[in-house]
PDB file of all heavy atoms in Angstrom:
ATOM      1  N   ILE A   1      80.290 117.798 108.004  1.00  0.00           N
ATOM      2  CA  ILE A   1      80.653 117.646 109.414  1.00  0.00           C
ATOM      3  C   ILE A   1      79.836 116.525 110.053  1.00  0.00           C
ATOM      4  O   ILE A   1      80.370 115.684 110.779  1.00  0.00           O
ATOM      5  CB  ILE A   1      80.439 118.965 110.166  1.00  0.00           C
ATOM      6  CG1 ILE A   1      81.412 120.030 109.658  1.00  0.00           C
ATOM      7  CG2 ILE A   1      80.592 118.767 111.674  1.00  0.00           C
ATOM      8  CD1 ILE A   1      81.143 121.419 110.157  1.00  0.00           C
ATOM      9  N   VAL A   2      78.539 116.503 109.776  1.00  0.00           N
ATOM     10  CA  VAL A   2      77.668 115.460 110.323  1.00  0.00           C
ATOM     11  C   VAL A   2      78.127 114.088 109.844  1.00  0.00           C
ATOM     12  O   VAL A   2      78.228 113.129 110.619  1.00  0.00           O
ATOM     13  CB  VAL A   2      76.198 115.707 109.916  1.00  0.00           C
ATOM     14  CG1 VAL A   2      75.327 114.511 110.300  1.00  0.00           C
ATOM     15  CG2 VAL A   2      75.670 116.978 110.571  1.00  0.00           C
ATOM     16  N   ARG A   3      78.420 113.966 108.551  1.00  0.00           N
ATOM     17  CA  ARG A   3      78.860 112.684 107.990  1.00  0.00           C
ATOM     18  C   ARG A   3      80.183 112.236 108.591  1.00  0.00           C
ATOM     19  O   ARG A   3      80.375 111.063 108.891  1.00  0.00           O
ATOM     20  CB  ARG A   3      78.988 112.807 106.472  1.00  0.00           C
ATOM     21  CG  ARG A   3      77.654 112.857 105.736  1.00  0.00           C
ATOM     22  CD  ARG A   3      77.878 113.039 104.255  1.00  0.00           C
ATOM     23  NE  ARG A   3      76.610 112.991 103.522  1.00  0.00           N
ATOM     24  CZ  ARG A   3      76.491 113.290 102.227  1.00  0.00           C
ATOM     25  NH1 ARG A   3      77.570 113.635 101.527  1.00  0.00           N
ATOM     26  NH2 ARG A   3      75.321 113.224 101.629  1.00  0.00           N
ATOM     27  N   ARG A   4      81.132 113.166 108.735  1.00  0.00           N
ATOM     28  CA  ARG A   4      82.443 112.806 109.264  1.00  0.00           C
ATOM     29  C   ARG A   4      82.346 112.365 110.716  1.00  0.00           C
ATOM     30  O   ARG A   4      82.994 111.396 111.128  1.00  0.00           O
ATOM     31  CB  ARG A   4      83.409 113.981 109.115  1.00  0.00           C
ATOM     32  CG  ARG A   4      84.849 113.601 109.406  1.00  0.00           C
ATOM     33  CD  ARG A   4      85.830 114.589 108.834  1.00  0.00           C
ATOM     34  NE  ARG A   4      85.714 115.902 109.426  1.00  0.00           N
ATOM     35  CZ  ARG A   4      85.233 116.971 108.804  1.00  0.00           C
ATOM     36  NH1 ARG A   4      84.807 116.884 107.558  1.00  0.00           N
ATOM     37  NH2 ARG A   4      85.156 118.141 109.411  1.00  0.00           N
ATOM     38  N   CYS A   5      81.526 113.034 111.494  1.00  0.00           N
ATOM     39  CA  CYS A   5      81.342 112.647 112.893  1.00  0.00           C
ATOM     40  C   CYS A   5      80.682 111.277 112.988  1.00  0.00           C
ATOM     41  O   CYS A   5      81.040 110.463 113.849  1.00  0.00           O
ATOM     42  CB  CYS A   5      80.501 113.689 113.624  1.00  0.00           C
ATOM     43  SG  CYS A   5      81.366 115.251 113.948  1.00  0.00           S
ATOM     44  N   ALA A   6      79.720 111.016 112.118  1.00  0.00           N
ATOM     45  CA  ALA A   6      79.060 109.717 112.110  1.00  0.00           C
ATOM     46  C   ALA A   6      80.038 108.619 111.724  1.00  0.00           C
ATOM     47  O   ALA A   6      80.013 107.507 112.278  1.00  0.00           O
ATOM     48  CB  ALA A   6      77.882 109.737 111.140  1.00  0.00           C
ATOM     49  N   GLU A   7      80.916 108.914 110.779  1.00  0.00           N
ATOM     50  CA  GLU A   7      81.914 107.951 110.341  1.00  0.00           C
ATOM     51  C   GLU A   7      82.873 107.627 111.473  1.00  0.00           C
ATOM     52  O   GLU A   7      83.217 106.460 111.717  1.00  0.00           O
ATOM     53  CB  GLU A   7      82.684 108.512 109.147  1.00  0.00           C
ATOM     54  CG  GLU A   7      83.673 107.544 108.533  1.00  0.00           C
ATOM     55  CD  GLU A   7      84.334 108.138 107.296  1.00  0.00           C
ATOM     56  OE1 GLU A   7      84.689 109.330 107.334  1.00  0.00           O
ATOM     57  OE2 GLU A   7      84.497 107.407 106.312  1.00  0.00           O
ATOM     58  N   GLU A   8      83.318 108.635 112.202  1.00  0.00           N
ATOM     59  CA  GLU A   8      84.225 108.412 113.325  1.00  0.00           C
ATOM     60  C   GLU A   8      83.551 107.596 114.420  1.00  0.00           C
ATOM     61  O   GLU A   8      84.180 106.724 115.034  1.00  0.00           O
ATOM     62  CB  GLU A   8      84.696 109.765 113.876  1.00  0.00           C
ATOM     63  CG  GLU A   8      85.624 110.511 112.932  1.00  0.00           C
ATOM     64  CD  GLU A   8      85.972 111.902 113.441  1.00  0.00           C
ATOM     65  OE1 GLU A   8      85.579 112.221 114.593  1.00  0.00           O
ATOM     66  OE2 GLU A   8      86.625 112.659 112.700  1.00  0.00           O
ATOM     67  N   GLU A   9      82.288 107.853 114.643  1.00  0.00           N
ATOM     68  CA  GLU A   9      81.554 107.101 115.655  1.00  0.00           C
ATOM     69  C   GLU A   9      81.421 105.638 115.261  1.00  0.00           C
ATOM     70  O   GLU A   9      81.549 104.732 116.098  1.00  0.00           O
ATOM     71  CB  GLU A   9      80.160 107.712 115.849  1.00  0.00           C
ATOM     72  CG  GLU A   9      79.337 107.064 116.935  1.00  0.00           C
ATOM     73  CD  GLU A   9      79.945 107.214 118.322  1.00  0.00           C
ATOM     74  OE1 GLU A   9      80.728 108.162 118.534  1.00  0.00           O
ATOM     75  OE2 GLU A   9      79.636 106.368 119.196  1.00  0.00           O
ATOM     76  N   ALA A  10      81.207 105.390 113.965  1.00  0.00           N
ATOM     77  CA  ALA A  10      81.058 104.024 113.477  1.00  0.00           C
ATOM     78  C   ALA A  10      82.347 103.231 113.634  1.00  0.00           C
ATOM     79  O   ALA A  10      82.327 102.005 113.783  1.00  0.00           O
ATOM     80  CB  ALA A  10      80.630 104.035 112.011  1.00  0.00           C
ATOM     81  N   HIS A  11      83.490 103.921 113.593  1.00  0.00           N
ATOM     82  CA  HIS A  11      84.783 103.262 113.695  1.00  0.00           C
ATOM     83  C   HIS A  11      85.379 103.371 115.106  1.00  0.00           C
ATOM     84  O   HIS A  11      86.549 103.065 115.306  1.00  0.00           O
ATOM     85  CB  HIS A  11      85.773 103.882 112.692  1.00  0.00           C
ATOM     86  CG  HIS A  11      85.455 103.594 111.268  1.00  0.00           C
ATOM     87  ND1 HIS A  11      84.613 104.394 110.533  1.00  0.00           N
ATOM     88  CD2 HIS A  11      85.839 102.588 110.438  1.00  0.00           C
ATOM     89  CE1 HIS A  11      84.509 103.903 109.305  1.00  0.00           C
ATOM     90  NE2 HIS A  11      85.234 102.815 109.225  1.00  0.00           N
ATOM     91  N   ARG A  12      84.556 103.752 116.057  1.00  0.00           N
ATOM     92  CA  ARG A  12      85.058 104.051 117.403  1.00  0.00           C
ATOM     93  C   ARG A  12      85.797 102.878 118.047  1.00  0.00           C
ATOM     94  O   ARG A  12      86.758 103.053 118.771  1.00  0.00           O
ATOM     95  CB  ARG A  12      83.896 104.488 118.294  1.00  0.00           C
ATOM     96  CG  ARG A  12      84.312 105.059 119.635  1.00  0.00           C
ATOM     97  CD  ARG A  12      83.187 105.898 120.216  1.00  0.00           C
ATOM     98  NE  ARG A  12      81.939 105.163 120.225  1.00  0.00           N
ATOM     99  CZ  ARG A  12      81.487 104.451 121.258  1.00  0.00           C
ATOM    100  NH1 ARG A  12      82.215 104.370 122.353  1.00  0.00           N
ATOM    101  NH2 ARG A  12      80.326 103.837 121.217  1.00  0.00           N
ATOM    102  N   GLU A  13      85.360 101.655 117.773  1.00  0.00           N
ATOM    103  CA  GLU A  13      85.968 100.484 118.394  1.00  0.00           C
ATOM    104  C   GLU A  13      87.125  99.908 117.570  1.00  0.00           C
ATOM    105  O   GLU A  13      87.706  98.896 117.946  1.00  0.00           O
ATOM    106  CB  GLU A  13      84.898  99.399 118.595  1.00  0.00           C
ATOM    107  CG  GLU A  13      83.719  99.838 119.450  1.00  0.00           C
ATOM    108  CD  GLU A  13      84.158 100.290 120.844  1.00  0.00           C
ATOM    109  OE1 GLU A  13      85.086  99.655 121.390  1.00  0.00           O
ATOM    110  OE2 GLU A  13      83.591 101.256 121.361  1.00  0.00           O
ATOM    111  N   MET A  14      87.438 100.518 116.429  1.00  0.00           N
ATOM    112  CA  MET A  14      88.483  99.992 115.567  1.00  0.00           C
ATOM    113  C   MET A  14      89.837 100.608 115.894  1.00  0.00           C
ATOM    114  O   MET A  14      89.933 101.700 116.446  1.00  0.00           O
ATOM    115  CB  MET A  14      88.156 100.268 114.089  1.00  0.00           C
ATOM    116  CG  MET A  14      86.947  99.514 113.582  1.00  0.00           C
ATOM    117  SD  MET A  14      86.711  99.763 111.803  1.00  0.00           S
ATOM    118  CE  MET A  14      85.210  98.774 111.563  1.00  0.00           C
ATOM    119  N   THR A  15      90.865  99.881 115.547  1.00  0.00           N
ATOM    120  CA  THR A  15      92.233 100.364 115.758  1.00  0.00           C
ATOM    121  C   THR A  15      92.568 101.447 114.745  1.00  0.00           C
ATOM    122  O   THR A  15      92.307 101.292 113.569  1.00  0.00           O
ATOM    123  CB  THR A  15      93.238  99.209 115.605  1.00  0.00           C
ATOM    124  OG1 THR A  15      92.900  98.195 116.547  1.00  0.00           O
ATOM    125  CG2 THR A  15      94.660  99.689 115.861  1.00  0.00           C
ATOM    126  N   GLU A  16      93.150 102.532 115.209  1.00  0.00           N
ATOM    127  CA  GLU A  16      93.548 103.599 114.293  1.00  0.00           C
ATOM    128  C   GLU A  16      95.008 103.421 113.903  1.00  0.00           C
ATOM    129  O   GLU A  16      95.864 103.125 114.735  1.00  0.00           O
ATOM    130  CB  GLU A  16      93.344 104.961 114.947  1.00  0.00           C
ATOM    131  CG  GLU A  16      93.618 106.130 114.006  1.00  0.00           C
ATOM    132  CD  GLU A  16      93.274 107.462 114.651  1.00  0.00           C
ATOM    133  OE1 GLU A  16      92.440 107.490 115.558  1.00  0.00           O
ATOM    134  OE2 GLU A  16      93.863 108.463 114.224  1.00  0.00           O
ATOM    135  N   ILE A  17      95.302 103.574 112.627  1.00  0.00           N
ATOM    136  CA  ILE A  17      96.649 103.410 112.102  1.00  0.00           C
ATOM    137  C   ILE A  17      97.169 104.766 111.633  1.00  0.00           C
ATOM    138  O   ILE A  17      96.412 105.601 111.159  1.00  0.00           O
ATOM    139  CB  ILE A  17      96.653 102.406 110.932  1.00  0.00           C
ATOM    140  CG1 ILE A  17      96.158 101.035 111.430  1.00  0.00           C
ATOM    141  CG2 ILE A  17      98.037 102.254 110.329  1.00  0.00           C
ATOM    142  CD1 ILE A  17      95.977 100.030 110.335  1.00  0.00           C
ATOM    143  N   ASP A  18      98.446 104.971 111.750  1.00  0.00           N
ATOM    144  CA  ASP A  18      99.069 106.224 111.318  1.00  0.00           C
ATOM    145  C   ASP A  18      99.016 106.319 109.794  1.00  0.00           C
ATOM    146  O   ASP A  18      99.750 105.614 109.093  1.00  0.00           O
ATOM    147  CB  ASP A  18     100.510 106.252 111.809  1.00  0.00           C
ATOM    148  CG  ASP A  18     101.179 107.601 111.571  1.00  0.00           C
ATOM    149  OD1 ASP A  18     100.822 108.279 110.585  1.00  0.00           O
ATOM    150  OD2 ASP A  18     102.058 107.972 112.357  1.00  0.00           O
ATOM    151  N   LEU A  19      98.152 107.162 109.273  1.00  0.00           N
ATOM    152  CA  LEU A  19      97.946 107.252 107.833  1.00  0.00           C
ATOM    153  C   LEU A  19      99.175 107.799 107.121  1.00  0.00           C
ATOM    154  O   LEU A  19      99.558 107.308 106.054  1.00  0.00           O
ATOM    155  CB  LEU A  19      96.720 108.131 107.537  1.00  0.00           C
ATOM    156  CG  LEU A  19      96.332 108.293 106.072  1.00  0.00           C
ATOM    157  CD1 LEU A  19      96.122 106.939 105.417  1.00  0.00           C
ATOM    158  CD2 LEU A  19      95.083 109.154 105.947  1.00  0.00           C
ATOM    159  N   LEU A  20      99.809 108.803 107.686  1.00  0.00           N
ATOM    160  CA  LEU A  20     100.988 109.385 107.042  1.00  0.00           C
ATOM    161  C   LEU A  20     102.106 108.353 106.912  1.00  0.00           C
ATOM    162  O   LEU A  20     102.767 108.255 105.881  1.00  0.00           O
ATOM    163  CB  LEU A  20     101.478 110.593 107.840  1.00  0.00           C
ATOM    164  CG  LEU A  20     100.601 111.840 107.790  1.00  0.00           C
ATOM    165  CD1 LEU A  20     101.179 112.920 108.709  1.00  0.00           C
ATOM    166  CD2 LEU A  20     100.493 112.369 106.381  1.00  0.00           C
ATOM    167  N   ARG A  21     102.299 107.578 107.957  1.00  0.00           N
ATOM    168  CA  ARG A  21     103.332 106.552 107.919  1.00  0.00           C
ATOM    169  C   ARG A  21     102.995 105.463 106.892  1.00  0.00           C
ATOM    170  O   ARG A  21     103.875 104.954 106.198  1.00  0.00           O
ATOM    171  CB  ARG A  21     103.499 105.942 109.306  1.00  0.00           C
ATOM    172  CG  ARG A  21     104.648 104.930 109.402  1.00  0.00           C
ATOM    173  CD  ARG A  21     104.814 104.454 110.823  1.00  0.00           C
ATOM    174  NE  ARG A  21     105.128 105.565 111.716  1.00  0.00           N
ATOM    175  CZ  ARG A  21     105.195 105.451 113.043  1.00  0.00           C
ATOM    176  NH1 ARG A  21     104.963 104.287 113.613  1.00  0.00           N
ATOM    177  NH2 ARG A  21     105.498 106.497 113.787  1.00  0.00           N
ATOM    178  N   THR A  22     101.726 105.119 106.810  1.00  0.00           N
ATOM    179  CA  THR A  22     101.296 104.098 105.854  1.00  0.00           C
ATOM    180  C   THR A  22     101.541 104.556 104.421  1.00  0.00           C
ATOM    181  O   THR A  22     102.045 103.801 103.588  1.00  0.00           O
ATOM    182  CB  THR A  22      99.799 103.783 106.046  1.00  0.00           C
ATOM    183  OG1 THR A  22      99.575 103.323 107.388  1.00  0.00           O
ATOM    184  CG2 THR A  22      99.341 102.702 105.069  1.00  0.00           C
ATOM    185  N   VAL A  23     101.187 105.793 104.125  1.00  0.00           N
ATOM    186  CA  VAL A  23     101.388 106.332 102.780  1.00  0.00           C
ATOM    187  C   VAL A  23     102.877 106.395 102.454  1.00  0.00           C
ATOM    188  O   VAL A  23     103.299 106.074 101.336  1.00  0.00           O
ATOM    189  CB  VAL A  23     100.741 107.720 102.637  1.00  0.00           C
ATOM    190  CG1 VAL A  23     101.086 108.338 101.284  1.00  0.00           C
ATOM    191  CG2 VAL A  23      99.223 107.615 102.774  1.00  0.00           C
ATOM    192  N   LYS A  24     103.687 106.780 103.416  1.00  0.00           N
ATOM    193  CA  LYS A  24     105.135 106.834 103.208  1.00  0.00           C
ATOM    194  C   LYS A  24     105.669 105.450 102.843  1.00  0.00           C
ATOM    195  O   LYS A  24     106.538 105.307 101.970  1.00  0.00           O
ATOM    196  CB  LYS A  24     105.831 107.355 104.462  1.00  0.00           C
ATOM    197  CG  LYS A  24     107.343 107.460 104.317  1.00  0.00           C
ATOM    198  CD  LYS A  24     107.977 107.996 105.592  1.00  0.00           C
ATOM    199  CE  LYS A  24     109.491 108.096 105.450  1.00  0.00           C
ATOM    200  NZ  LYS A  24     110.133 108.615 106.691  1.00  0.00           N
ATOM    201  N   CYS A  25     105.137 104.416 103.482  1.00  0.00           N
ATOM    202  CA  CYS A  25     105.549 103.044 103.193  1.00  0.00           C
ATOM    203  C   CYS A  25     105.219 102.688 101.750  1.00  0.00           C
ATOM    204  O   CYS A  25     106.027 102.095 101.038  1.00  0.00           O
ATOM    205  CB  CYS A  25     104.848 102.096 104.157  1.00  0.00           C
ATOM    206  SG  CYS A  25     105.260 100.363 103.930  1.00  0.00           S
ATOM    207  N   PHE A  26     104.035 103.074 101.280  1.00  0.00           N
ATOM    208  CA  PHE A  26     103.627 102.783  99.912  1.00  0.00           C
ATOM    209  C   PHE A  26     104.471 103.554  98.897  1.00  0.00           C
ATOM    210  O   PHE A  26     104.741 103.050  97.803  1.00  0.00           O
ATOM    211  CB  PHE A  26     102.151 103.113  99.713  1.00  0.00           C
ATOM    212  CG  PHE A  26     101.239 102.028 100.181  1.00  0.00           C
ATOM    213  CD1 PHE A  26     100.523 102.160 101.357  1.00  0.00           C
ATOM    214  CD2 PHE A  26     101.094 100.855  99.458  1.00  0.00           C
ATOM    215  CE1 PHE A  26      99.691 101.155 101.796  1.00  0.00           C
ATOM    216  CE2 PHE A  26     100.255  99.845  99.886  1.00  0.00           C
ATOM    217  CZ  PHE A  26      99.546  99.987 101.065  1.00  0.00           C
ATOM    218  N   ILE A  27     104.880 104.750  99.233  1.00  0.00           N
ATOM    219  CA  ILE A  27     105.751 105.513  98.341  1.00  0.00           C
ATOM    220  C   ILE A  27     107.056 104.747  98.110  1.00  0.00           C
ATOM    221  O   ILE A  27     107.544 104.643  96.980  1.00  0.00           O
ATOM    222  CB  ILE A  27     106.046 106.906  98.927  1.00  0.00           C
ATOM    223  CG1 ILE A  27     104.777 107.758  98.939  1.00  0.00           C
ATOM    224  CG2 ILE A  27     107.141 107.616  98.117  1.00  0.00           C
ATOM    225  CD1 ILE A  27     104.921 109.067  99.692  1.00  0.00           C
ATOM    226  N   GLY A  28     107.589 104.179  99.178  1.00  0.00           N
ATOM    227  CA  GLY A  28     108.805 103.383  99.055  1.00  0.00           C
ATOM    228  C   GLY A  28     108.600 102.161  98.189  1.00  0.00           C
ATOM    229  O   GLY A  28     109.445 101.819  97.346  1.00  0.00           O
ATOM    230  N   PHE A  29     107.460 101.481  98.349  1.00  0.00           N
ATOM    231  CA  PHE A  29     107.155 100.307  97.533  1.00  0.00           C
ATOM    232  C   PHE A  29     107.061 100.666  96.055  1.00  0.00           C
ATOM    233  O   PHE A  29     107.585  99.958  95.191  1.00  0.00           O
ATOM    234  CB  PHE A  29     105.846  99.668  97.990  1.00  0.00           C
ATOM    235  CG  PHE A  29     105.941  98.887  99.259  1.00  0.00           C
ATOM    236  CD1 PHE A  29     104.839  98.746 100.080  1.00  0.00           C
ATOM    237  CD2 PHE A  29     107.127  98.285  99.642  1.00  0.00           C
ATOM    238  CE1 PHE A  29     104.916  98.010 101.253  1.00  0.00           C
ATOM    239  CE2 PHE A  29     107.225  97.553 100.817  1.00  0.00           C
ATOM    240  CZ  PHE A  29     106.103  97.411 101.635  1.00  0.00           C
ATOM    241  N   GLU A  30     106.364 101.754  95.758  1.00  0.00           N
ATOM    242  CA  GLU A  30     106.197 102.169  94.363  1.00  0.00           C
ATOM    243  C   GLU A  30     107.554 102.451  93.722  1.00  0.00           C
ATOM    244  O   GLU A  30     107.797 102.086  92.561  1.00  0.00           O
ATOM    245  CB  GLU A  30     105.316 103.418  94.276  1.00  0.00           C
ATOM    246  CG  GLU A  30     103.882 103.239  94.748  1.00  0.00           C
ATOM    247  CD  GLU A  30     103.023 102.448  93.776  1.00  0.00           C
ATOM    248  OE1 GLU A  30     103.514 102.086  92.685  1.00  0.00           O
ATOM    249  OE2 GLU A  30     101.856 102.189  94.114  1.00  0.00           O
ATOM    250  N   SER A  31     108.446 103.078  94.459  1.00  0.00           N
ATOM    251  CA  SER A  31     109.778 103.387  93.928  1.00  0.00           C
ATOM    252  C   SER A  31     110.575 102.116  93.664  1.00  0.00           C
ATOM    253  O   SER A  31     111.258 101.998  92.637  1.00  0.00           O
ATOM    254  CB  SER A  31     110.532 104.286  94.921  1.00  0.00           C
ATOM    255  OG  SER A  31     109.863 105.525  95.088  1.00  0.00           O
ATOM    256  N   ARG A  32     110.483 101.151  94.564  1.00  0.00           N
ATOM    257  CA  ARG A  32     111.214  99.895  94.387  1.00  0.00           C
ATOM    258  C   ARG A  32     110.657  99.089  93.218  1.00  0.00           C
ATOM    259  O   ARG A  32     111.419  98.485  92.451  1.00  0.00           O
ATOM    260  CB  ARG A  32     111.152  99.083  95.679  1.00  0.00           C
ATOM    261  CG  ARG A  32     111.993  99.675  96.789  1.00  0.00           C
ATOM    262  CD  ARG A  32     111.754  98.969  98.101  1.00  0.00           C
ATOM    263  NE  ARG A  32     112.208  97.574  98.071  1.00  0.00           N
ATOM    264  CZ  ARG A  32     112.018  96.724  99.078  1.00  0.00           C
ATOM    265  NH1 ARG A  32     111.389  97.134 100.178  1.00  0.00           N
ATOM    266  NH2 ARG A  32     112.473  95.485  98.987  1.00  0.00           N
ATOM    267  N   VAL A  33     109.344  99.079  93.075  1.00  0.00           N
ATOM    268  CA  VAL A  33     108.727  98.375  91.942  1.00  0.00           C
ATOM    269  C   VAL A  33     109.159  99.021  90.632  1.00  0.00           C
ATOM    270  O   VAL A  33     109.477  98.341  89.652  1.00  0.00           O
ATOM    271  CB  VAL A  33     107.189  98.375  92.070  1.00  0.00           C
ATOM    272  CG1 VAL A  33     106.534  97.876  90.779  1.00  0.00           C
ATOM    273  CG2 VAL A  33     106.746  97.496  93.233  1.00  0.00           C
ATOM    274  N   GLY A  34     109.171 100.358  90.599  1.00  0.00           N
ATOM    275  CA  GLY A  34     109.611 101.064  89.403  1.00  0.00           C
ATOM    276  C   GLY A  34     111.032 100.700  89.016  1.00  0.00           C
ATOM    277  O   GLY A  34     111.358 100.548  87.832  1.00  0.00           O
ATOM    278  N   GLU A  35     111.903 100.533  90.009  1.00  0.00           N
ATOM    279  CA  GLU A  35     113.292 100.158  89.748  1.00  0.00           C
ATOM    280  C   GLU A  35     113.373  98.733  89.190  1.00  0.00           C
ATOM    281  O   GLU A  35     114.180  98.452  88.293  1.00  0.00           O
ATOM    282  CB  GLU A  35     114.114 100.276  91.033  1.00  0.00           C
ATOM    283  CG  GLU A  35     115.571  99.880  90.890  1.00  0.00           C
ATOM    284  CD  GLU A  35     116.354 100.732  89.914  1.00  0.00           C
ATOM    285  OE1 GLU A  35     115.877 101.837  89.556  1.00  0.00           O
ATOM    286  OE2 GLU A  35     117.468 100.314  89.506  1.00  0.00           O
ATOM    287  N   ILE A  36     112.545  97.831  89.677  1.00  0.00           N
ATOM    288  CA  ILE A  36     112.508  96.463  89.138  1.00  0.00           C
ATOM    289  C   ILE A  36     112.124  96.501  87.665  1.00  0.00           C
ATOM    290  O   ILE A  36     112.762  95.861  86.812  1.00  0.00           O
ATOM    291  CB  ILE A  36     111.506  95.593  89.922  1.00  0.00           C
ATOM    292  CG1 ILE A  36     112.071  95.246  91.293  1.00  0.00           C
ATOM    293  CG2 ILE A  36     111.177  94.306  89.152  1.00  0.00           C
ATOM    294  CD1 ILE A  36     111.110  94.472  92.180  1.00  0.00           C
ATOM    295  N   TYR A  37     111.105  97.265  87.334  1.00  0.00           N
ATOM    296  CA  TYR A  37     110.656  97.351  85.940  1.00  0.00           C
ATOM    297  C   TYR A  37     111.719  98.000  85.057  1.00  0.00           C
ATOM    298  O   TYR A  37     111.910  97.605  83.904  1.00  0.00           O
ATOM    299  CB  TYR A  37     109.343  98.135  85.862  1.00  0.00           C
ATOM    300  CG  TYR A  37     108.165  97.447  86.512  1.00  0.00           C
ATOM    301  CD1 TYR A  37     107.028  98.169  86.862  1.00  0.00           C
ATOM    302  CD2 TYR A  37     108.180  96.082  86.784  1.00  0.00           C
ATOM    303  CE1 TYR A  37     105.937  97.540  87.449  1.00  0.00           C
ATOM    304  CE2 TYR A  37     107.097  95.451  87.376  1.00  0.00           C
ATOM    305  CZ  TYR A  37     105.979  96.195  87.716  1.00  0.00           C
ATOM    306  OH  TYR A  37     104.907  95.573  88.301  1.00  0.00           O
ATOM    307  N   ARG A  38     112.404  98.994  85.587  1.00  0.00           N
ATOM    308  CA  ARG A  38     113.451  99.661  84.811  1.00  0.00           C
ATOM    309  C   ARG A  38     114.577  98.683  84.484  1.00  0.00           C
ATOM    310  O   ARG A  38     115.074  98.637  83.350  1.00  0.00           O
ATOM    311  CB  ARG A  38     114.002 100.861  85.591  1.00  0.00           C
ATOM    312  CG  ARG A  38     114.998 101.706  84.803  1.00  0.00           C
ATOM    313  CD  ARG A  38     115.667 102.735  85.686  1.00  0.00           C
ATOM    314  NE  ARG A  38     116.509 102.110  86.691  1.00  0.00           N
ATOM    315  CZ  ARG A  38     117.719 101.608  86.455  1.00  0.00           C
ATOM    316  NH1 ARG A  38     118.222 101.662  85.226  1.00  0.00           N
ATOM    317  NH2 ARG A  38     118.426 101.061  87.428  1.00  0.00           N
ATOM    318  N   ARG A  39     114.998  97.896  85.465  1.00  0.00           N
ATOM    319  CA  ARG A  39     116.063  96.910  85.251  1.00  0.00           C
ATOM    320  C   ARG A  39     115.638  95.856  84.228  1.00  0.00           C
ATOM    321  O   ARG A  39     116.412  95.470  83.349  1.00  0.00           O
ATOM    322  CB  ARG A  39     116.413  96.219  86.569  1.00  0.00           C
ATOM    323  CG  ARG A  39     117.258  97.061  87.513  1.00  0.00           C
ATOM    324  CD  ARG A  39     117.426  96.344  88.848  1.00  0.00           C
ATOM    325  NE  ARG A  39     118.328  97.076  89.721  1.00  0.00           N
ATOM    326  CZ  ARG A  39     119.596  96.758  89.936  1.00  0.00           C
ATOM    327  NH1 ARG A  39     120.115  95.723  89.309  1.00  0.00           N
ATOM    328  NH2 ARG A  39     120.339  97.460  90.762  1.00  0.00           N
ATOM    329  N   LEU A  40     114.399  95.387  84.327  1.00  0.00           N
ATOM    330  CA  LEU A  40     113.895  94.392  83.381  1.00  0.00           C
ATOM    331  C   LEU A  40     113.860  94.959  81.966  1.00  0.00           C
ATOM    332  O   LEU A  40     114.182  94.269  80.995  1.00  0.00           O
ATOM    333  CB  LEU A  40     112.504  93.915  83.799  1.00  0.00           C
ATOM    334  CG  LEU A  40     112.440  92.998  85.023  1.00  0.00           C
ATOM    335  CD1 LEU A  40     110.990  92.734  85.410  1.00  0.00           C
ATOM    336  CD2 LEU A  40     113.171  91.690  84.759  1.00  0.00           C
ATOM    337  N   SER A  41     113.472  96.222  81.845  1.00  0.00           N
ATOM    338  CA  SER A  41     113.422  96.855  80.528  1.00  0.00           C
ATOM    339  C   SER A  41     114.802  96.887  79.893  1.00  0.00           C
ATOM    340  O   SER A  41     114.962  96.601  78.698  1.00  0.00           O
ATOM    341  CB  SER A  41     112.873  98.277  80.656  1.00  0.00           C
ATOM    342  OG  SER A  41     112.921  98.949  79.413  1.00  0.00           O
ATOM    343  N   GLU A  42     115.816  97.221  80.683  1.00  0.00           N
ATOM    344  CA  GLU A  42     117.191  97.272  80.163  1.00  0.00           C
ATOM    345  C   GLU A  42     117.691  95.876  79.799  1.00  0.00           C
ATOM    346  O   GLU A  42     118.352  95.686  78.775  1.00  0.00           O
ATOM    347  CB  GLU A  42     118.101  97.910  81.206  1.00  0.00           C
ATOM    348  CG  GLU A  42     117.809  99.393  81.459  1.00  0.00           C
ATOM    349  CD  GLU A  42     118.660  99.955  82.575  1.00  0.00           C
ATOM    350  OE1 GLU A  42     119.350  99.148  83.263  1.00  0.00           O
ATOM    351  OE2 GLU A  42     118.646 101.187  82.784  1.00  0.00           O
ATOM    352  N   GLN A  43     117.373  94.906  80.618  1.00  0.00           N
ATOM    353  CA  GLN A  43     117.860  93.553  80.401  1.00  0.00           C
ATOM    354  C   GLN A  43     117.198  92.870  79.202  1.00  0.00           C
ATOM    355  O   GLN A  43     117.811  92.033  78.543  1.00  0.00           O
ATOM    356  CB  GLN A  43     117.629  92.703  81.658  1.00  0.00           C
ATOM    357  CG  GLN A  43     118.453  93.149  82.855  1.00  0.00           C
ATOM    358  CD  GLN A  43     118.061  92.418  84.129  1.00  0.00           C
ATOM    359  OE1 GLN A  43     117.206  91.530  84.107  1.00  0.00           O
ATOM    360  NE2 GLN A  43     118.681  92.789  85.243  1.00  0.00           N
ATOM    361  N   LEU A  44     115.953  93.221  78.923  1.00  0.00           N
ATOM    362  CA  LEU A  44     115.197  92.568  77.854  1.00  0.00           C
ATOM    363  C   LEU A  44     115.162  93.409  76.576  1.00  0.00           C
ATOM    364  O   LEU A  44     114.167  93.425  75.858  1.00  0.00           O
ATOM    365  CB  LEU A  44     113.771  92.269  78.335  1.00  0.00           C
ATOM    366  CG  LEU A  44     113.695  91.194  79.434  1.00  0.00           C
ATOM    367  CD1 LEU A  44     112.337  91.209  80.114  1.00  0.00           C
ATOM    368  CD2 LEU A  44     113.996  89.819  78.855  1.00  0.00           C
TER     369      LEU A  44
END
C-alpha cells in the first residue's frame, strides 16, 4: 500500500491513459499480425 501510494504520487503530474482500452487495442494488433503470418505461411 505504501509503495503504491508513493508511485501514484510520483506520477501525479502525468497524464493518465485508459489501461483497459490500451490493452484492447493491443489484442487487436496481435490478432492482425497473427493473420499476416498465417497468410504468409500458406503462400510460402
